[in-house]
C-alpha atoms as a PDB file:
ATOM      1  CA  MET A   1       0.000   0.000   0.000  1.00  0.00           C
ATOM      2  CA  LEU A   2       2.837   2.407   0.841  1.00  0.00           C
ATOM      3  CA  SER A   3       5.263   1.082  -1.761  1.00  0.00           C
ATOM      4  CA  GLY A   4       3.156   2.292  -4.676  1.00  0.00           C
ATOM      5  CA  ASN A   5       2.445  -1.227  -5.932  1.00  0.00           C
ATOM      6  CA  MET A   6      -1.218  -1.405  -4.869  1.00  0.00           C
ATOM      7  CA  PRO A   7      -3.842   0.201  -7.148  1.00  0.00           C
ATOM      8  CA  ASP A   8      -5.914   3.003  -5.625  1.00  0.00           C
ATOM      9  CA  ALA A   9      -9.101   0.950  -5.952  1.00  0.00           C
ATOM     10  CA  GLU A  10      -7.636  -1.809  -3.792  1.00  0.00           C
ATOM     11  CA  ILE A  11      -6.370   0.683  -1.203  1.00  0.00           C
ATOM     12  CA  GLU A  12      -9.813   2.279  -1.090  1.00  0.00           C
ATOM     13  CA  SER A  13     -11.465  -1.108  -0.597  1.00  0.00           C
ATOM     14  CA  LEU A  14      -9.028  -2.160   2.135  1.00  0.00           C
ATOM     15  CA  LEU A  15      -9.298   1.086   4.111  1.00  0.00           C
ATOM     16  CA  THR A  16     -13.094   1.015   3.851  1.00  0.00           C
ATOM     17  CA  GLU A  17     -13.290  -2.594   5.007  1.00  0.00           C
ATOM     18  CA  MET A  18     -11.059  -1.933   8.028  1.00  0.00           C
ATOM     19  CA  ALA A  19     -12.999   1.194   9.016  1.00  0.00           C
ATOM     20  CA  GLU A  20     -16.365  -0.560   8.767  1.00  0.00           C
ATOM     21  CA  ARG A  21     -15.402  -3.561  10.910  1.00  0.00           C
ATOM     22  CA  GLY A  22     -13.033  -1.663  13.198  1.00  0.00           C
ATOM     23  CA  GLU A  23      -9.261  -1.754  12.923  1.00  0.00           C
ATOM     24  CA  THR A  24      -7.634  -4.400  15.118  1.00  0.00           C
ATOM     25  CA  THR A  25      -4.896  -3.671  17.634  1.00  0.00           C
ATOM     26  CA  GLN A  26      -2.493  -5.793  15.580  1.00  0.00           C
ATOM     27  CA  GLU A  27      -3.262  -3.862  12.380  1.00  0.00           C
ATOM     28  CA  ILE A  28      -2.639  -0.562  14.164  1.00  0.00           C
ATOM     29  CA  LEU A  29       0.626  -1.879  15.620  1.00  0.00           C
ATOM     30  CA  ASP A  30       1.839  -3.288  12.295  1.00  0.00           C
ATOM     31  CA  LEU A  31       1.198  -0.067  10.358  1.00  0.00           C
ATOM     32  CA  THR A  32       2.801   1.972  13.137  1.00  0.00           C
ATOM     33  CA  VAL A  33       6.002  -0.088  12.939  1.00  0.00           C
ATOM     34  CA  VAL A  34       6.115   0.219   9.138  1.00  0.00           C
ATOM     35  CA  LEU A  35       5.639   4.000   9.183  1.00  0.00           C
ATOM     36  CA  ARG A  36       8.171   4.474  11.983  1.00  0.00           C
ATOM     37  CA  ASN A  37      10.734   2.745   9.792  1.00  0.00           C
ATOM     38  CA  MET A  38       9.943   5.101   6.888  1.00  0.00           C
ATOM     39  CA  VAL A  39       9.891   8.419   8.778  1.00  0.00           C
ATOM     40  CA  ILE A  40      12.372  11.269   8.346  1.00  0.00           C
ATOM     41  CA  PRO A  41      13.743  11.339  11.916  1.00  0.00           C
ATOM     42  CA  VAL A  42      14.206  14.235  14.299  1.00  0.00           C
ATOM     43  CA  GLN A  43      17.222  13.178  16.336  1.00  0.00           C
ATOM     44  CA  GLY A  44      18.468  13.779  19.856  1.00  0.00           C
ATOM     45  CA  HIS A  45      15.150  14.640  21.492  1.00  0.00           C
ATOM     46  CA  GLU A  46      13.654  11.324  22.568  1.00  0.00           C
ATOM     47  CA  ASP A  47      13.260  12.865  26.024  1.00  0.00           C
ATOM     48  CA  ALA A  48      10.513  15.194  24.762  1.00  0.00           C
ATOM     49  CA  ILE A  49       6.802  14.476  25.051  1.00  0.00           C
ATOM     50  CA  ASP A  50       4.102  14.772  22.392  1.00  0.00           C
ATOM     51  CA  ASN A  51       0.512  15.880  22.865  1.00  0.00           C
ATOM     52  CA  CYS A  52      -1.776  15.357  19.899  1.00  0.00           C
ATOM     53  CA  GLY A  53      -5.011  13.706  18.854  1.00  0.00           C
ATOM     54  CA  THR A  54      -6.521  11.591  16.126  1.00  0.00           C
ATOM     55  CA  GLY A  55      -8.889  14.371  15.038  1.00  0.00           C
ATOM     56  CA  GLY A  56     -12.193  13.327  13.587  1.00  0.00           C
ATOM     57  CA  SER A  57     -14.575  14.993  16.044  1.00  0.00           C
ATOM     58  CA  GLY A  58     -16.044  17.202  13.315  1.00  0.00           C
ATOM     59  CA  LEU A  59     -16.726  19.855  15.969  1.00  0.00           C
ATOM     60  CA  GLU A  60     -15.992  23.569  15.964  1.00  0.00           C
ATOM     61  CA  ARG A  61     -13.072  23.716  18.338  1.00  0.00           C
ATOM     62  CA  ILE A  62     -10.029  25.624  19.459  1.00  0.00           C
ATOM     63  CA  ASN A  63      -6.521  24.242  18.982  1.00  0.00           C
ATOM     64  CA  THR A  64      -6.253  22.996  22.531  1.00  0.00           C
ATOM     65  CA  SER A  65      -3.176  20.798  22.238  1.00  0.00           C
ATOM     66  CA  THR A  66      -1.251  23.558  20.449  1.00  0.00           C
ATOM     67  CA  ILE A  67      -1.977  26.058  23.224  1.00  0.00           C
ATOM     68  CA  SER A  68      -1.141  23.379  25.782  1.00  0.00           C
ATOM     69  CA  ALA A  69       2.226  22.775  24.108  1.00  0.00           C
ATOM     70  CA  PHE A  70       3.280  26.355  24.855  1.00  0.00           C
ATOM     71  CA  ILE A  71       2.073  25.988  28.455  1.00  0.00           C
ATOM     72  CA  LEU A  72       4.046  22.759  28.838  1.00  0.00           C
ATOM     73  CA  ALA A  73       7.212  24.357  27.488  1.00  0.00           C
ATOM     74  CA  GLY A  74       6.694  27.300  29.830  1.00  0.00           C
ATOM     75  CA  GLY A  75       6.549  24.802  32.684  1.00  0.00           C
ATOM     76  CA  GLY A  76       9.859  23.198  31.796  1.00  0.00           C
ATOM     77  CA  VAL A  77       8.695  20.312  29.600  1.00  0.00           C
ATOM     78  CA  LYS A  78      10.230  19.724  26.173  1.00  0.00           C
ATOM     79  CA  VAL A  79       7.482  19.193  23.570  1.00  0.00           C
ATOM     80  CA  ALA A  80       8.031  17.605  20.153  1.00  0.00           C
ATOM     81  CA  LYS A  81       4.558  18.025  18.681  1.00  0.00           C
ATOM     82  CA  HIS A  82       3.614  16.097  15.574  1.00  0.00           C
ATOM     83  CA  GLY A  83       0.591  17.277  13.598  1.00  0.00           C
ATOM     84  CA  ASN A  84      -1.059  18.466  10.440  1.00  0.00           C
ATOM     85  CA  ARG A  85      -3.644  20.808   9.018  1.00  0.00           C
ATOM     86  CA  ALA A  86      -7.323  20.198   9.777  1.00  0.00           C
ATOM     87  CA  SER A  87      -8.745  16.773   8.997  1.00  0.00           C
ATOM     88  CA  SER A  88     -12.412  17.206   9.924  1.00  0.00           C
ATOM     89  CA  GLY A  89     -12.692  20.589  11.646  1.00  0.00           C
ATOM     90  CA  ARG A  90     -11.929  24.016  10.199  1.00  0.00           C
ATOM     91  CA  CYS A  91      -8.553  24.581  11.821  1.00  0.00           C
ATOM     92  CA  GLY A  92      -5.752  22.130  12.571  1.00  0.00           C
ATOM     93  CA  SER A  93      -2.606  22.685  14.601  1.00  0.00           C
ATOM     94  CA  PHE A  94      -0.562  23.840  11.633  1.00  0.00           C
ATOM     95  CA  ASP A  95      -3.334  26.086  10.348  1.00  0.00           C
ATOM     96  CA  VAL A  96      -3.279  28.051  13.597  1.00  0.00           C
ATOM     97  CA  LEU A  97       0.526  28.060  13.844  1.00  0.00           C
ATOM     98  CA  GLU A  98       0.675  29.595  10.391  1.00  0.00           C
ATOM     99  CA  ALA A  99      -1.972  32.149  11.392  1.00  0.00           C
ATOM    100  CA  VAL A 100       0.041  33.328  14.417  1.00  0.00           C
ATOM    101  CA  GLY A 101       3.147  33.829  12.297  1.00  0.00           C
ATOM    102  CA  ALA A 102       5.158  30.638  12.726  1.00  0.00           C
ATOM    103  CA  ARG A 103       6.917  29.027   9.806  1.00  0.00           C
ATOM    104  CA  ILE A 104       5.532  25.522   9.440  1.00  0.00           C
ATOM    105  CA  ASP A 105       7.748  24.165   6.647  1.00  0.00           C
ATOM    106  CA  LEU A 106      10.636  23.291   8.971  1.00  0.00           C
ATOM    107  CA  ASP A 107      12.972  20.429   8.118  1.00  0.00           C
ATOM    108  CA  ALA A 108      14.405  18.026  10.695  1.00  0.00           C
ATOM    109  CA  ALA A 109      17.512  20.115  11.387  1.00  0.00           C
ATOM    110  CA  HIS A 110      15.432  23.242  12.016  1.00  0.00           C
ATOM    111  CA  VAL A 111      13.048  21.364  14.321  1.00  0.00           C
ATOM    112  CA  GLU A 112      16.040  19.999  16.241  1.00  0.00           C
ATOM    113  CA  LYS A 113      17.359  23.551  16.653  1.00  0.00           C
ATOM    114  CA  CYS A 114      13.970  24.767  17.906  1.00  0.00           C
ATOM    115  CA  LEU A 115      13.798  21.935  20.431  1.00  0.00           C
ATOM    116  CA  THR A 116      17.304  22.661  21.679  1.00  0.00           C
ATOM    117  CA  GLU A 117      16.813  26.417  22.009  1.00  0.00           C
ATOM    118  CA  THR A 118      13.144  26.757  22.992  1.00  0.00           C
ATOM    119  CA  SER A 119      12.082  23.259  24.184  1.00  0.00           C
ATOM    120  CA  LEU A 120       9.439  23.348  21.426  1.00  0.00           C
ATOM    121  CA  GLY A 121       9.342  21.658  18.061  1.00  0.00           C
ATOM    122  CA  PHE A 122       6.356  21.358  15.715  1.00  0.00           C
ATOM    123  CA  MET A 123       6.717  18.680  13.034  1.00  0.00           C
ATOM    124  CA  PHE A 124       4.483  18.992   9.970  1.00  0.00           C
ATOM    125  CA  ALA A 125       3.426  15.408   9.209  1.00  0.00           C
ATOM    126  CA  PRO A 126       3.418  15.604   5.370  1.00  0.00           C
ATOM    127  CA  PHE A 127       7.100  16.588   5.374  1.00  0.00           C
ATOM    128  CA  PHE A 128       8.242  13.869   7.765  1.00  0.00           C
ATOM    129  CA  HIS A 129       6.120  11.067   6.287  1.00  0.00           C
ATOM    130  CA  PRO A 130       6.648  11.187   2.501  1.00  0.00           C
ATOM    131  CA  ALA A 131       5.332   7.615   2.168  1.00  0.00           C
ATOM    132  CA  MET A 132       1.894   8.843   3.251  1.00  0.00           C
ATOM    133  CA  LYS A 133       1.599  10.830   0.027  1.00  0.00           C
ATOM    134  CA  ARG A 134       0.959   7.555  -1.778  1.00  0.00           C
ATOM    135  CA  VAL A 135      -2.395   7.170  -0.036  1.00  0.00           C
ATOM    136  CA  SER A 136      -3.360  10.838   0.359  1.00  0.00           C
ATOM    137  CA  ALA A 137      -5.575  10.965  -2.742  1.00  0.00           C
ATOM    138  CA  VAL A 138      -7.512   7.878  -1.668  1.00  0.00           C
ATOM    139  CA  ARG A 139      -7.949   9.177   1.876  1.00  0.00           C
ATOM    140  CA  LYS A 140      -9.226  12.500   0.583  1.00  0.00           C
ATOM    141  CA  LYS A 141     -11.656  10.734  -1.749  1.00  0.00           C
ATOM    142  CA  LEU A 142     -13.013   8.516   1.039  1.00  0.00           C
ATOM    143  CA  GLY A 143     -13.663  11.490   3.304  1.00  0.00           C
ATOM    144  CA  PHE A 144     -13.892   9.505   6.548  1.00  0.00           C
ATOM    145  CA  ARG A 145     -11.496   8.461   9.288  1.00  0.00           C
ATOM    146  CA  THR A 146      -9.170   5.616   8.317  1.00  0.00           C
ATOM    147  CA  ILE A 147      -6.450   3.666  10.094  1.00  0.00           C
ATOM    148  CA  PHE A 148      -3.993   6.405   9.097  1.00  0.00           C
ATOM    149  CA  ASN A 149      -5.785   8.881  11.390  1.00  0.00           C
ATOM    150  CA  ILE A 150      -5.404   6.409  14.247  1.00  0.00           C
ATOM    151  CA  VAL A 151      -1.737   5.723  13.539  1.00  0.00           C
ATOM    152  CA  GLY A 152      -0.745   9.372  12.992  1.00  0.00           C
ATOM    153  CA  PRO A 153      -0.168  10.177  16.689  1.00  0.00           C
ATOM    154  CA  LEU A 154       1.857   6.960  17.088  1.00  0.00           C
ATOM    155  CA  VAL A 155       4.559   7.799  14.545  1.00  0.00           C
ATOM    156  CA  ASN A 156       6.215  10.876  16.046  1.00  0.00           C
ATOM    157  CA  PRO A 157       9.439  11.594  14.114  1.00  0.00           C
ATOM    158  CA  ALA A 158      11.322  12.406  17.335  1.00  0.00           C
ATOM    159  CA  GLY A 159      10.700   8.919  18.731  1.00  0.00           C
ATOM    160  CA  VAL A 160       9.232  10.194  21.998  1.00  0.00           C
ATOM    161  CA  LYS A 161       8.574   7.716  24.796  1.00  0.00           C
ATOM    162  CA  LYS A 162       6.068   9.849  26.703  1.00  0.00           C
ATOM    163  CA  GLN A 163       2.838  11.060  25.173  1.00  0.00           C
ATOM    164  CA  VAL A 164      -0.720  12.325  25.556  1.00  0.00           C
ATOM    165  CA  ILE A 165      -2.985  11.067  22.762  1.00  0.00           C
ATOM    166  CA  GLY A 166      -6.566  12.218  22.375  1.00  0.00           C
ATOM    167  CA  VAL A 167      -9.169  10.095  20.574  1.00  0.00           C
ATOM    168  CA  SER A 168     -12.560  11.235  19.303  1.00  0.00           C
ATOM    169  CA  ASP A 169     -13.805   7.624  19.080  1.00  0.00           C
ATOM    170  CA  SER A 170     -13.861   5.953  22.494  1.00  0.00           C
ATOM    171  CA  HIS A 171     -13.801   2.498  20.879  1.00  0.00           C
ATOM    172  CA  ILE A 172     -10.182   2.894  19.765  1.00  0.00           C
ATOM    173  CA  ALA A 173      -8.812   4.246  23.055  1.00  0.00           C
ATOM    174  CA  PHE A 174      -7.907   0.871  24.540  1.00  0.00           C
ATOM    175  CA  LYS A 175      -6.427  -0.308  21.234  1.00  0.00           C
ATOM    176  CA  ILE A 176      -4.100   2.693  21.095  1.00  0.00           C
ATOM    177  CA  ALA A 177      -3.176   2.171  24.743  1.00  0.00           C
ATOM    178  CA  LYS A 178      -2.251  -1.454  24.020  1.00  0.00           C
ATOM    179  CA  VAL A 179      -0.123  -0.389  21.055  1.00  0.00           C
ATOM    180  CA  LEU A 180       1.701   2.205  23.168  1.00  0.00           C
ATOM    181  CA  SER A 181       2.415  -0.498  25.732  1.00  0.00           C
ATOM    182  CA  GLU A 182       3.657  -2.910  23.055  1.00  0.00           C
ATOM    183  CA  LEU A 183       5.942  -0.205  21.652  1.00  0.00           C
ATOM    184  CA  GLY A 184       7.553   0.279  25.053  1.00  0.00           C
ATOM    185  CA  HIS A 185       6.370   3.773  25.906  1.00  0.00           C
ATOM    186  CA  GLU A 186       7.531   4.782  29.379  1.00  0.00           C
ATOM    187  CA  LYS A 187       4.377   6.710  30.216  1.00  0.00           C
ATOM    188  CA  ALA A 188       1.351   7.883  28.260  1.00  0.00           C
ATOM    189  CA  LEU A 189      -2.260   8.958  28.593  1.00  0.00           C
ATOM    190  CA  VAL A 190      -4.978   8.158  26.060  1.00  0.00           C
ATOM    191  CA  VAL A 191      -7.871  10.554  26.657  1.00  0.00           C
ATOM    192  CA  HIS A 192     -11.410  10.993  25.330  1.00  0.00           C
ATOM    193  CA  GLY A 193     -13.909  13.741  26.108  1.00  0.00           C
ATOM    194  CA  SER A 194     -17.543  12.798  26.697  1.00  0.00           C
ATOM    195  CA  ASP A 195     -18.485  15.449  24.112  1.00  0.00           C
ATOM    196  CA  SER A 196     -16.511  13.428  21.510  1.00  0.00           C
ATOM    197  CA  LEU A 197     -13.466  15.706  21.657  1.00  0.00           C
ATOM    198  CA  ASP A 198     -10.115  14.036  21.013  1.00  0.00           C
ATOM    199  CA  GLU A 199      -8.802  15.632  24.205  1.00  0.00           C
ATOM    200  CA  MET A 200      -9.885  16.156  27.788  1.00  0.00           C
ATOM    201  CA  THR A 201     -12.993  18.302  28.000  1.00  0.00           C
ATOM    202  CA  VAL A 202     -14.473  20.904  30.335  1.00  0.00           C
ATOM    203  CA  THR A 203     -18.082  20.261  29.287  1.00  0.00           C
ATOM    204  CA  GLY A 204     -18.311  16.943  31.128  1.00  0.00           C
ATOM    205  CA  MET A 205     -16.364  13.836  32.015  1.00  0.00           C
ATOM    206  CA  SER A 206     -13.206  12.611  30.312  1.00  0.00           C
ATOM    207  CA  THR A 207     -12.044   9.012  30.134  1.00  0.00           C
ATOM    208  CA  VAL A 208      -8.333   8.453  30.734  1.00  0.00           C
ATOM    209  CA  ILE A 209      -6.257   5.335  30.102  1.00  0.00           C
ATOM    210  CA  GLU A 210      -2.861   5.686  31.763  1.00  0.00           C
ATOM    211  CA  ILE A 211       0.028   3.540  30.546  1.00  0.00           C
ATOM    212  CA  GLU A 212       3.144   3.275  32.685  1.00  0.00           C
ATOM    213  CA  ASP A 213       5.807   0.562  32.454  1.00  0.00           C
ATOM    214  CA  GLY A 214       3.443  -1.701  30.525  1.00  0.00           C
ATOM    215  CA  VAL A 215       0.580  -1.417  33.027  1.00  0.00           C
ATOM    216  CA  LEU A 216      -2.762   0.049  31.886  1.00  0.00           C
ATOM    217  CA  ARG A 217      -5.104   1.847  34.285  1.00  0.00           C
ATOM    218  CA  ARG A 218      -8.454   3.372  33.308  1.00  0.00           C
ATOM    219  CA  TYR A 219     -10.166   6.176  35.213  1.00  0.00           C
ATOM    220  CA  GLU A 220     -12.482   9.136  34.729  1.00  0.00           C
ATOM    221  CA  PHE A 221     -11.927  12.821  35.401  1.00  0.00           C
ATOM    222  CA  THR A 222     -14.492  15.611  35.695  1.00  0.00           C
ATOM    223  CA  PRO A 223     -13.345  19.232  36.216  1.00  0.00           C
ATOM    224  CA  ARG A 224     -14.717  21.142  39.183  1.00  0.00           C
ATOM    225  CA  LYS A 225     -16.184  23.788  36.874  1.00  0.00           C
ATOM    226  CA  LEU A 226     -18.163  22.731  33.801  1.00  0.00           C
ATOM    227  CA  TYR A 227     -19.191  24.761  30.752  1.00  0.00           C
ATOM    228  CA  LYS A 228     -21.942  24.307  28.178  1.00  0.00           C
ATOM    229  CA  ARG A 229     -19.587  24.751  25.223  1.00  0.00           C
ATOM    230  CA  ILE A 230     -15.982  25.509  24.373  1.00  0.00           C
ATOM    231  CA  GLY A 231     -16.318  27.117  20.957  1.00  0.00           C
ATOM    232  CA  GLY A 232     -13.720  27.820  18.312  1.00  0.00           C
ATOM    233  CA  GLY A 233     -13.671  28.498  14.602  1.00  0.00           C
ATOM    234  CA  GLY A 234     -11.349  29.042  11.684  1.00  0.00           C
ATOM    235  CA  ALA A 235      -7.651  29.827  11.742  1.00  0.00           C
ATOM    236  CA  GLY A 236      -8.092  33.550  12.398  1.00  0.00           C
ATOM    237  CA  GLU A 237     -10.488  33.081  15.308  1.00  0.00           C
ATOM    238  CA  ASN A 238      -8.432  30.278  16.826  1.00  0.00           C
ATOM    239  CA  ALA A 239      -5.246  32.329  16.511  1.00  0.00           C
ATOM    240  CA  ARG A 240      -6.957  35.106  18.497  1.00  0.00           C
ATOM    241  CA  ILE A 241      -7.978  32.597  21.162  1.00  0.00           C
ATOM    242  CA  LEU A 242      -4.487  31.056  21.344  1.00  0.00           C
ATOM    243  CA  LEU A 243      -2.885  34.450  21.887  1.00  0.00           C
ATOM    244  CA  GLY A 244      -5.613  35.452  24.333  1.00  0.00           C
ATOM    245  CA  VAL A 245      -5.149  32.393  26.524  1.00  0.00           C
ATOM    246  CA  LEU A 246      -1.389  32.930  26.634  1.00  0.00           C
ATOM    247  CA  ASN A 247      -1.562  36.674  27.359  1.00  0.00           C
ATOM    248  CA  GLY A 248      -4.413  36.371  29.855  1.00  0.00           C
ATOM    249  CA  SER A 249      -7.145  38.181  27.921  1.00  0.00           C
ATOM    250  CA  VAL A 250      -9.149  35.001  27.191  1.00  0.00           C
ATOM    251  CA  ARG A 251     -10.485  33.081  30.170  1.00  0.00           C
ATOM    252  CA  GLY A 252     -13.416  30.758  30.823  1.00  0.00           C
ATOM    253  CA  ALA A 253     -13.873  27.478  28.961  1.00  0.00           C
ATOM    254  CA  GLN A 254     -11.162  28.119  26.376  1.00  0.00           C
ATOM    255  CA  ARG A 255      -8.467  28.834  28.937  1.00  0.00           C
ATOM    256  CA  ASP A 256      -9.635  26.031  31.230  1.00  0.00           C
ATOM    257  CA  VAL A 257      -9.602  23.345  28.537  1.00  0.00           C
ATOM    258  CA  ALA A 258      -6.068  24.343  27.507  1.00  0.00           C
ATOM    259  CA  VAL A 259      -4.934  24.288  31.141  1.00  0.00           C
ATOM    260  CA  LEU A 260      -6.562  20.878  31.728  1.00  0.00           C
ATOM    261  CA  ASN A 261      -4.870  19.320  28.726  1.00  0.00           C
ATOM    262  CA  ALA A 262      -1.550  20.855  29.724  1.00  0.00           C
ATOM    263  CA  ALA A 263      -2.095  19.197  33.108  1.00  0.00           C
ATOM    264  CA  ALA A 264      -2.219  15.833  31.337  1.00  0.00           C
ATOM    265  CA  GLY A 265       1.145  16.614  29.763  1.00  0.00           C
ATOM    266  CA  PHE A 266       2.660  17.647  33.081  1.00  0.00           C
ATOM    267  CA  LEU A 267       1.458  14.335  34.543  1.00  0.00           C
ATOM    268  CA  VAL A 268       3.065  12.337  31.736  1.00  0.00           C
ATOM    269  CA  ALA A 269       6.292  14.324  32.136  1.00  0.00           C
ATOM    270  CA  ASP A 270       6.302  13.580  35.893  1.00  0.00           C
ATOM    271  CA  LYS A 271       6.124  17.264  36.802  1.00  0.00           C
ATOM    272  CA  VAL A 272       3.071  16.501  38.955  1.00  0.00           C
ATOM    273  CA  SER A 273       1.607  13.375  40.542  1.00  0.00           C
ATOM    274  CA  ASN A 274      -2.045  13.856  39.544  1.00  0.00           C
ATOM    275  CA  LEU A 275      -4.278  15.862  37.232  1.00  0.00           C
ATOM    276  CA  GLU A 276      -5.566  18.162  39.969  1.00  0.00           C
ATOM    277  CA  ASP A 277      -2.040  19.327  40.782  1.00  0.00           C
ATOM    278  CA  GLY A 278      -1.340  19.578  37.063  1.00  0.00           C
ATOM    279  CA  VAL A 279      -4.230  22.010  36.606  1.00  0.00           C
ATOM    280  CA  LEU A 280      -2.892  24.248  39.370  1.00  0.00           C
ATOM    281  CA  PHE A 281       0.633  24.136  37.958  1.00  0.00           C
ATOM    282  CA  ALA A 282      -0.521  24.839  34.386  1.00  0.00           C
ATOM    283  CA  ALA A 283      -2.584  27.820  35.562  1.00  0.00           C
ATOM    284  CA  GLU A 284       0.468  29.216  37.361  1.00  0.00           C
ATOM    285  CA  VAL A 285       2.557  28.889  34.191  1.00  0.00           C
ATOM    286  CA  VAL A 286      -0.016  30.864  32.191  1.00  0.00           C
ATOM    287  CA  ASP A 287      -0.508  33.516  34.870  1.00  0.00           C
ATOM    288  CA  SER A 288       3.248  34.013  35.266  1.00  0.00           C
ATOM    289  CA  GLY A 289       3.639  34.775  31.546  1.00  0.00           C
ATOM    290  CA  LYS A 290       6.076  31.890  31.039  1.00  0.00           C
ATOM    291  CA  ALA A 291       3.910  30.249  28.365  1.00  0.00           C
ATOM    292  CA  LYS A 292       3.721  33.507  26.379  1.00  0.00           C
ATOM    293  CA  VAL A 293       7.510  33.872  26.614  1.00  0.00           C
ATOM    294  CA  LYS A 294       7.933  30.412  25.073  1.00  0.00           C
ATOM    295  CA  PHE A 295       5.464  31.337  22.337  1.00  0.00           C
ATOM    296  CA  ASP A 296       7.420  34.485  21.479  1.00  0.00           C
ATOM    297  CA  GLU A 297      10.729  32.597  21.485  1.00  0.00           C
ATOM    298  CA  TYR A 298       9.384  29.904  19.183  1.00  0.00           C
ATOM    299  CA  ILE A 299       7.776  32.241  16.643  1.00  0.00           C
ATOM    300  CA  SER A 300      10.947  34.334  16.490  1.00  0.00           C
ATOM    301  CA  LEU A 301      13.248  31.353  15.988  1.00  0.00           C
ATOM    302  CA  THR A 302      11.180  29.809  13.181  1.00  0.00           C
ATOM    303  CA  ASN A 303      11.444  33.032  11.200  1.00  0.00           C
ATOM    304  CA  ARG A 304      15.223  33.476  11.418  1.00  0.00           C
END
């Protein structure tokens, strides 16, 4: 399928069949291993964490994990974030990064420099996974989530061993957790919002599967304060929200959901021992201005 030897019609049929019956854990693991062996690597930063999701919620939303990445870096965590433009919503991680003035077409050497100097690196998936181009036309034609959306968060070019992965489909959460365990991840969280967000939510309960040293533990988390909606929009609107959360002018649900998801990252990075403490720590990082400083450093460096 990735070698170019399978006709598009056969790829389309195979992806459709897997999606309709549900991709197995073994299929997800096998494709992950293949794609990891074909990636353009970002070297020397395996100690970073990643925080990303499968996408596919189809909801109007802010770029929570992108905002959270700046909060994490402000709190002393190195973040090698792997992502793309929007898949089902109006604004993906790299759409909003472009809108706030970051260069997104960074090669491996430039990402490595950003990670070294700012503790932040954003890796644009199409550049680091050239083999995926061979199935891009079929995926676009199909127009629904395929196994490649599931595998995307599992093939980080930096080879991170700690991760937060959000899923919009609760049925694949345990499968991804099993794959992370099989791949030897040191610590990870697979999270799902009850409102179908591929991240922790502030409109209700979130399901969390924690993986540490091969052991899986499932639990639920509900924030103390709940909101009716989070909101979000296109790249321009989400860029305004991103900047507002970091500079303190945007509060409420949009700030709280970014802080909550940063808390998950702080937990994975062993900066805190539980999500409640992570929320307090993340809020302090935002209020101190440290997250905004990291944002400014990153934007400046990408444009040199």
